[in-house]
Amino acid sequence: MIGFLIWNWSPAKIFLGDVGSIPLGFLIGWHLFNLAASGFWMAALILPLYYITDSSLTLLRRLLSGKSIWEAHKEHFYQFAVKNGRTHSSVVRGVMLTNVLLIILAFFSAYPKLPAFISWLILLTACLIVALLILWMLYGKEKKSTKSVL
């Protein structure tokens, strides 16, 4: 993925599309399933937490407002962030930073003989990080450049 990111950063030179993203999604899902089946269910839940939260809340919001959940739309949190003035690059950096923090938390959650209280605290911290990212996307505004030309 990191290798692909180099070619897909603005201005994008290639696009992964369905042909690349569907097999990649199945591969990631299979690894998460194996992680959970090996007893590391907390890590398997933490790693995709942003994507699960974004998709679930978006579909729930559409369902409650009477919109079709099967039609294409632009109502994901990252799309609201761009509509609210955030740049694509800042949104990508925000999601990447969140995922790095979730990877670190998932790693710690897989520590053997971790007390249950600490495991739940790690999960709560992961949820808080994702909530902060979503709030940043919904309510934050990109700062205007204040450079002066002399």
Protein backbone atom coordinates (compact mmCIF):
# COMPACT_ATOMS: atom_id res chain seq x y z
CA MET A 1 0.00 0.00 0.00
CA ILE A 2 2.78 2.43 0.82
CA GLY A 3 4.38 1.74 -2.56
CA PHE A 4 1.08 2.46 -4.27
CA LEU A 5 0.64 5.67 -2.24
CA ILE A 6 3.77 7.14 -3.83
CA TRP A 7 2.16 6.87 -7.29
CA ASN A 8 -1.30 7.92 -6.14
CA TRP A 9 -0.36 11.11 -4.23
CA SER A 10 -1.45 14.32 -5.88
CA PRO A 11 -1.13 14.59 -8.79
CA ALA A 12 -2.11 10.93 -9.08
CA LYS A 13 -0.38 8.97 -11.82
CA ILE A 14 -2.32 5.71 -11.38
CA PHE A 15 -5.62 4.69 -9.78
CA LEU A 16 -6.17 1.42 -7.92
CA GLY A 17 -9.85 1.09 -8.89
CA ASP A 18 -12.08 -1.93 -8.33
CA VAL A 19 -9.63 -4.37 -9.89
CA GLY A 20 -7.07 -3.61 -7.19
CA SER A 21 -9.20 -2.55 -4.24
CA ILE A 22 -11.58 -5.54 -4.16
CA PRO A 23 -8.85 -8.21 -3.90
CA LEU A 24 -6.99 -6.00 -1.44
CA GLY A 25 -10.14 -5.69 0.69
CA PHE A 26 -10.64 -9.47 0.68
CA LEU A 27 -7.00 -9.99 1.65
CA ILE A 28 -7.23 -7.52 4.54
CA GLY A 29 -10.53 -9.08 5.66
CA TRP A 30 -8.98 -12.54 5.61
CA HIS A 31 -6.03 -11.34 7.71
CA LEU A 32 -8.39 -9.67 10.20
CA PHE A 33 -10.45 -12.87 10.43
CA ASN A 34 -7.28 -14.91 11.07
CA LEU A 35 -6.17 -12.40 13.69
CA ALA A 36 -9.49 -12.71 15.52
CA ALA A 37 -9.51 -16.52 15.16
CA SER A 38 -6.04 -16.61 16.73
CA GLY A 39 -7.41 -14.93 19.85
CA PHE A 40 -6.47 -11.35 19.01
CA TRP A 41 -10.05 -10.16 18.47
CA MET A 42 -9.38 -6.75 20.05
CA ALA A 43 -6.61 -6.03 17.52
CA ALA A 44 -8.86 -7.28 14.70
CA LEU A 45 -11.51 -4.79 15.81
CA ILE A 46 -9.16 -1.84 16.37
CA LEU A 47 -7.32 -2.00 13.02
CA PRO A 48 -10.34 -1.27 10.74
CA LEU A 49 -12.15 0.87 13.35
CA TYR A 50 -12.17 4.12 11.35
CA TYR A 51 -13.53 2.40 8.23
CA ILE A 52 -16.16 0.43 10.17
CA THR A 53 -17.27 3.59 11.99
CA ASP A 54 -17.40 5.73 8.83
CA SER A 55 -19.33 3.15 6.82
CA SER A 56 -21.73 2.22 9.63
CA LEU A 57 -22.59 5.79 10.62
CA THR A 58 -22.94 6.87 6.99
CA LEU A 59 -25.32 4.01 6.17
CA LEU A 60 -27.28 4.54 9.40
CA ARG A 61 -27.62 8.27 8.71
CA ARG A 62 -28.86 7.55 5.17
CA LEU A 63 -31.27 4.87 6.37
CA LEU A 64 -32.75 7.14 9.07
CA SER A 65 -33.19 10.00 6.61
CA GLY A 66 -35.08 7.75 4.17
CA LYS A 67 -32.36 7.71 1.52
CA SER A 68 -31.41 4.56 -0.32
CA ILE A 69 -28.35 2.86 1.08
CA TRP A 70 -27.71 1.25 -2.31
CA GLU A 71 -27.29 4.46 -4.34
CA ALA A 72 -23.99 6.22 -4.84
CA HIS A 73 -23.53 9.25 -2.60
CA LYS A 74 -20.99 11.69 -1.22
CA GLU A 75 -21.85 11.53 2.47
CA HIS A 76 -18.82 9.85 4.04
CA PHE A 77 -16.96 11.85 6.67
CA TYR A 78 -13.89 12.39 4.49
CA GLN A 79 -16.17 13.84 1.80
CA PHE A 80 -17.74 16.24 4.33
CA ALA A 81 -14.23 17.30 5.34
CA VAL A 82 -13.37 18.29 1.75
CA LYS A 83 -16.74 20.06 1.37
CA ASN A 84 -15.98 21.98 4.58
CA GLY A 85 -12.73 23.33 3.14
CA ARG A 86 -10.16 20.74 4.12
CA THR A 87 -7.68 19.79 1.42
CA HIS A 88 -7.53 16.24 0.12
CA SER A 89 -3.95 16.01 1.38
CA SER A 90 -4.86 17.08 4.92
CA VAL A 91 -7.71 14.55 5.04
CA VAL A 92 -5.41 11.76 3.84
CA ARG A 93 -2.80 12.76 6.44
CA GLY A 94 -5.48 12.76 9.16
CA VAL A 95 -6.68 9.28 8.22
CA MET A 96 -3.09 8.02 7.93
CA LEU A 97 -2.16 9.40 11.37
CA THR A 98 -5.29 7.84 12.85
CA ASN A 99 -4.43 4.49 11.28
CA VAL A 100 -0.86 4.63 12.61
CA LEU A 101 -2.21 5.28 16.12
CA LEU A 102 -4.72 2.43 15.70
CA ILE A 103 -1.91 0.09 14.59
CA ILE A 104 0.07 0.97 17.72
CA LEU A 105 -2.98 0.39 19.93
CA ALA A 106 -3.74 -2.91 18.15
CA PHE A 107 -0.16 -4.01 18.75
CA PHE A 108 -0.43 -3.27 22.49
CA SER A 109 -3.84 -4.96 22.69
CA ALA A 110 -2.26 -8.20 21.45
CA TYR A 111 0.18 -8.30 24.37
CA PRO A 112 -0.14 -11.66 26.17
CA LYS A 113 -1.64 -11.68 29.67
CA LEU A 114 -2.87 -8.11 29.39
CA PRO A 115 -5.37 -7.32 32.19
CA ALA A 116 -8.95 -7.00 30.89
CA PHE A 117 -9.19 -3.44 32.22
CA ILE A 118 -6.20 -2.37 30.10
CA SER A 119 -7.62 -4.10 26.99
CA TRP A 120 -10.89 -2.21 27.34
CA LEU A 121 -8.98 1.02 28.00
CA ILE A 122 -7.05 0.47 24.76
CA LEU A 123 -10.31 -0.07 22.86
CA LEU A 124 -11.83 3.05 24.43
CA THR A 125 -8.74 5.05 23.43
CA ALA A 126 -9.06 3.76 19.84
CA CYS A 127 -12.73 4.81 19.77
CA LEU A 128 -11.79 8.26 21.11
CA ILE A 129 -9.11 8.70 18.43
CA VAL A 130 -11.60 7.81 15.68
CA ALA A 131 -14.23 10.13 17.20
CA LEU A 132 -11.73 13.00 17.26
CA LEU A 133 -10.86 12.41 13.60
CA ILE A 134 -14.54 12.44 12.64
CA LEU A 135 -15.16 15.64 14.61
CA TRP A 136 -12.11 17.21 12.93
CA MET A 137 -13.56 16.23 9.56
CA LEU A 138 -17.05 17.52 10.30
CA TYR A 139 -16.36 20.76 12.13
CA GLY A 140 -12.82 21.87 11.43
CA LYS A 141 -11.92 24.38 8.76
CA GLU A 142 -8.66 24.56 6.86
CA LYS A 143 -6.67 27.66 7.76
CA LYS A 144 -6.28 30.21 5.00
CA SER A 145 -2.78 31.01 3.86
CA THR A 146 -1.52 34.30 5.31
CA LYS A 147 1.56 34.62 3.12
CA SER A 148 2.15 38.13 1.86
CA VAL A 149 3.79 38.94 -1.42
CA LEU A 150 6.59 41.54 -1.13
